[in-house]
N, C-alpha and C. Protein backbone atom coordinates (compact mmCIF):
# COMPACT_ATOMS: atom_id res chain seq x y z
N UNK A 1 -26.51 30.12 21.98
CA UNK A 1 -27.06 28.97 22.59
C UNK A 1 -28.33 29.23 23.39
N UNK A 2 -29.30 28.39 23.28
CA UNK A 2 -30.46 28.60 24.11
C UNK A 2 -30.18 28.45 25.69
N UNK A 3 -29.38 27.53 26.15
CA UNK A 3 -29.07 27.57 27.60
C UNK A 3 -28.33 28.69 27.98
N UNK A 4 -27.43 29.19 27.29
CA UNK A 4 -26.53 30.46 27.72
C UNK A 4 -27.73 31.59 27.80
N UNK A 5 -28.45 31.82 26.81
CA UNK A 5 -29.41 32.77 26.81
C UNK A 5 -30.38 32.71 28.02
N UNK A 6 -30.72 31.46 28.42
CA UNK A 6 -31.61 31.22 29.57
C UNK A 6 -30.81 31.57 30.94
N UNK A 7 -29.55 31.22 30.95
CA UNK A 7 -28.72 31.64 32.07
C UNK A 7 -28.63 33.06 32.12
N UNK A 8 -28.36 33.74 31.12
CA UNK A 8 -28.21 35.17 31.22
C UNK A 8 -29.55 35.85 31.61
N UNK A 9 -30.59 35.30 31.05
CA UNK A 9 -31.97 35.91 31.37
C UNK A 9 -32.20 35.77 32.78
N UNK A 10 -31.87 34.57 33.42
CA UNK A 10 -32.11 34.28 34.86
C UNK A 10 -31.16 35.26 35.55
N UNK A 11 -29.91 35.50 35.13
CA UNK A 11 -28.95 36.39 36.00
C UNK A 11 -29.40 37.79 36.01
N UNK A 12 -30.09 38.25 34.93
CA UNK A 12 -30.64 39.62 34.78
C UNK A 12 -31.72 39.83 35.94
N UNK A 13 -32.30 38.85 36.41
CA UNK A 13 -33.44 38.99 37.42
C UNK A 13 -32.80 38.91 38.86
N UNK A 14 -31.71 38.54 39.05
CA UNK A 14 -30.98 38.38 40.46
C UNK A 14 -30.83 39.84 41.06
N UNK A 15 -31.02 39.88 42.38
CA UNK A 15 -30.56 41.10 43.09
C UNK A 15 -29.21 41.21 43.10
N UNK A 16 -28.50 42.27 43.52
CA UNK A 16 -27.10 42.59 43.53
C UNK A 16 -26.23 41.51 44.43
N UNK A 17 -26.85 41.14 45.54
CA UNK A 17 -26.14 40.18 46.33
C UNK A 17 -26.06 38.68 45.68
N UNK A 18 -27.14 38.34 45.08
CA UNK A 18 -27.16 37.11 44.24
C UNK A 18 -26.28 37.15 43.20
N UNK A 19 -26.37 38.33 42.41
CA UNK A 19 -25.32 38.24 41.32
C UNK A 19 -23.99 38.31 41.64
N UNK A 20 -23.57 38.82 42.66
CA UNK A 20 -22.17 38.80 43.23
C UNK A 20 -21.90 37.33 43.51
N UNK A 21 -22.81 36.51 44.18
CA UNK A 21 -22.49 35.13 44.45
C UNK A 21 -22.41 34.29 43.31
N UNK A 22 -23.31 34.64 42.22
CA UNK A 22 -23.13 34.03 41.01
C UNK A 22 -21.73 34.21 40.33
N UNK A 23 -21.34 35.53 40.39
CA UNK A 23 -20.01 35.83 39.67
C UNK A 23 -18.90 34.93 40.41
N UNK A 24 -19.05 35.04 41.85
CA UNK A 24 -17.94 34.16 42.43
C UNK A 24 -17.87 32.85 42.29
N UNK A 25 -19.10 32.22 42.13
CA UNK A 25 -19.07 30.83 41.74
C UNK A 25 -18.53 30.51 40.28
N UNK A 26 -18.93 31.44 39.31
CA UNK A 26 -18.43 31.37 38.05
C UNK A 26 -16.86 31.54 38.03
N UNK A 27 -16.37 32.54 38.84
CA UNK A 27 -14.97 32.69 38.89
C UNK A 27 -14.28 31.43 39.35
N UNK A 28 -14.83 30.70 40.36
CA UNK A 28 -14.28 29.58 40.96
C UNK A 28 -14.37 28.43 39.90
N UNK A 29 -15.41 28.34 39.10
CA UNK A 29 -15.43 27.43 38.01
C UNK A 29 -14.52 27.57 36.91
N UNK A 30 -14.27 28.79 36.54
CA UNK A 30 -13.30 29.15 35.54
C UNK A 30 -12.04 28.78 36.01
N UNK A 31 -11.61 29.08 37.23
CA UNK A 31 -10.24 28.76 37.84
C UNK A 31 -10.15 27.31 37.80
N UNK A 32 -11.13 26.53 38.12
CA UNK A 32 -11.00 25.19 38.21
C UNK A 32 -10.72 24.38 36.78
N UNK A 33 -11.41 25.03 35.80
CA UNK A 33 -11.19 24.48 34.34
C UNK A 33 -9.79 24.93 33.99
N UNK A 34 -9.37 26.21 34.23
CA UNK A 34 -8.09 26.62 33.80
C UNK A 34 -7.04 25.70 34.53
N UNK A 35 -7.22 25.41 35.75
CA UNK A 35 -6.22 24.44 36.30
C UNK A 35 -6.17 23.13 35.72
N UNK A 36 -7.40 22.66 35.38
CA UNK A 36 -7.39 21.27 34.62
C UNK A 36 -6.70 21.27 33.36
N UNK A 37 -6.98 22.46 32.56
CA UNK A 37 -6.23 22.59 31.28
C UNK A 37 -4.75 22.71 31.39
N UNK A 38 -4.38 23.44 32.45
CA UNK A 38 -2.79 23.60 32.74
C UNK A 38 -2.24 22.27 32.95
N UNK A 39 -2.80 21.41 33.81
CA UNK A 39 -2.28 20.07 34.18
C UNK A 39 -2.17 19.24 32.87
N UNK A 40 -3.37 19.15 32.04
CA UNK A 40 -3.37 18.50 30.87
C UNK A 40 -2.25 18.83 29.88
N UNK A 41 -1.98 20.20 29.75
CA UNK A 41 -1.11 20.78 28.82
C UNK A 41 0.28 20.52 29.41
N UNK A 42 0.54 20.65 30.64
CA UNK A 42 1.81 20.37 31.23
C UNK A 42 2.25 18.87 30.96
N UNK A 43 1.29 18.02 31.17
CA UNK A 43 1.62 16.49 30.92
C UNK A 43 1.95 16.35 29.51
N UNK A 44 1.29 17.04 28.50
CA UNK A 44 1.49 16.80 27.12
C UNK A 44 2.98 17.26 26.80
N UNK A 45 3.28 18.48 27.46
CA UNK A 45 4.62 19.08 27.10
C UNK A 45 5.74 18.32 27.76
N UNK A 46 5.47 17.77 28.96
CA UNK A 46 6.52 16.88 29.58
C UNK A 46 6.57 15.64 28.77
N UNK A 47 5.58 14.97 28.21
CA UNK A 47 5.74 13.86 27.39
C UNK A 47 6.48 14.02 26.19
N UNK A 48 6.34 15.31 25.67
CA UNK A 48 7.01 15.53 24.43
C UNK A 48 8.46 16.13 24.64
N UNK A 49 8.79 16.28 25.94
CA UNK A 49 10.05 16.73 26.46
C UNK A 49 10.40 18.06 25.87
N UNK A 50 9.32 19.02 25.94
CA UNK A 50 9.44 20.37 25.65
C UNK A 50 9.61 21.25 26.99
N UNK A 51 10.64 22.01 26.98
CA UNK A 51 10.81 22.61 28.05
C UNK A 51 10.29 24.21 28.07
N UNK A 52 10.41 24.90 29.06
CA UNK A 52 9.99 26.32 29.15
C UNK A 52 10.90 26.95 28.18
N UNK A 53 12.19 26.71 28.11
CA UNK A 53 13.09 27.42 27.13
C UNK A 53 12.66 27.04 25.70
N UNK A 54 12.32 25.87 25.38
CA UNK A 54 11.91 25.53 24.11
C UNK A 54 10.77 26.34 23.67
N UNK A 55 9.75 26.61 24.67
CA UNK A 55 8.55 27.38 24.40
C UNK A 55 9.03 28.82 24.11
N UNK A 56 10.01 29.45 24.88
CA UNK A 56 10.29 30.75 24.76
C UNK A 56 10.85 30.85 23.35
N UNK A 57 11.79 29.94 22.90
CA UNK A 57 12.27 30.08 21.55
C UNK A 57 11.42 30.13 20.53
N UNK A 58 10.31 29.10 20.67
CA UNK A 58 9.21 29.09 19.64
C UNK A 58 8.43 30.44 19.49
N UNK A 59 8.06 31.06 20.82
CA UNK A 59 7.48 32.28 20.68
C UNK A 59 8.13 33.34 20.05
N UNK A 60 9.50 33.39 20.36
CA UNK A 60 10.43 34.43 19.91
C UNK A 60 10.55 34.30 18.27
N UNK A 61 10.68 32.94 17.89
CA UNK A 61 10.70 32.81 16.34
C UNK A 61 9.37 33.23 15.69
N UNK A 62 8.26 32.95 16.37
CA UNK A 62 6.93 33.31 15.77
C UNK A 62 6.76 34.79 15.74
N UNK A 63 7.14 35.52 16.77
CA UNK A 63 7.01 36.98 16.70
C UNK A 63 7.90 37.59 15.65
N UNK A 64 9.19 36.88 15.40
CA UNK A 64 10.17 37.48 14.38
C UNK A 64 9.41 37.33 13.02
N UNK A 65 8.77 36.11 12.79
CA UNK A 65 8.34 35.77 11.57
C UNK A 65 7.10 36.51 11.27
N UNK A 66 6.35 36.84 12.31
CA UNK A 66 5.04 37.63 11.97
C UNK A 66 5.26 39.04 11.84
N UNK A 67 6.52 39.62 12.07
CA UNK A 67 6.83 40.98 11.98
C UNK A 67 7.44 41.32 10.60
N UNK A 68 7.45 40.27 9.78
CA UNK A 68 7.98 40.65 8.35
C UNK A 68 6.95 41.03 7.36
């Protein structure tokens, strides 16, 4: 993507201190996005009445099936 390439190009020109600040801001943004996705997914699972135990069982079954 052109925008991503432009951002990377600009980041390459930063001094060490600015680069660290950029990484910290990107880390905070990633964390914010992750929390938003977690809230959305949690709501969907609660609405579908799927529990942590149900998820564990699905994962266990999937692992067994893929091992064959």
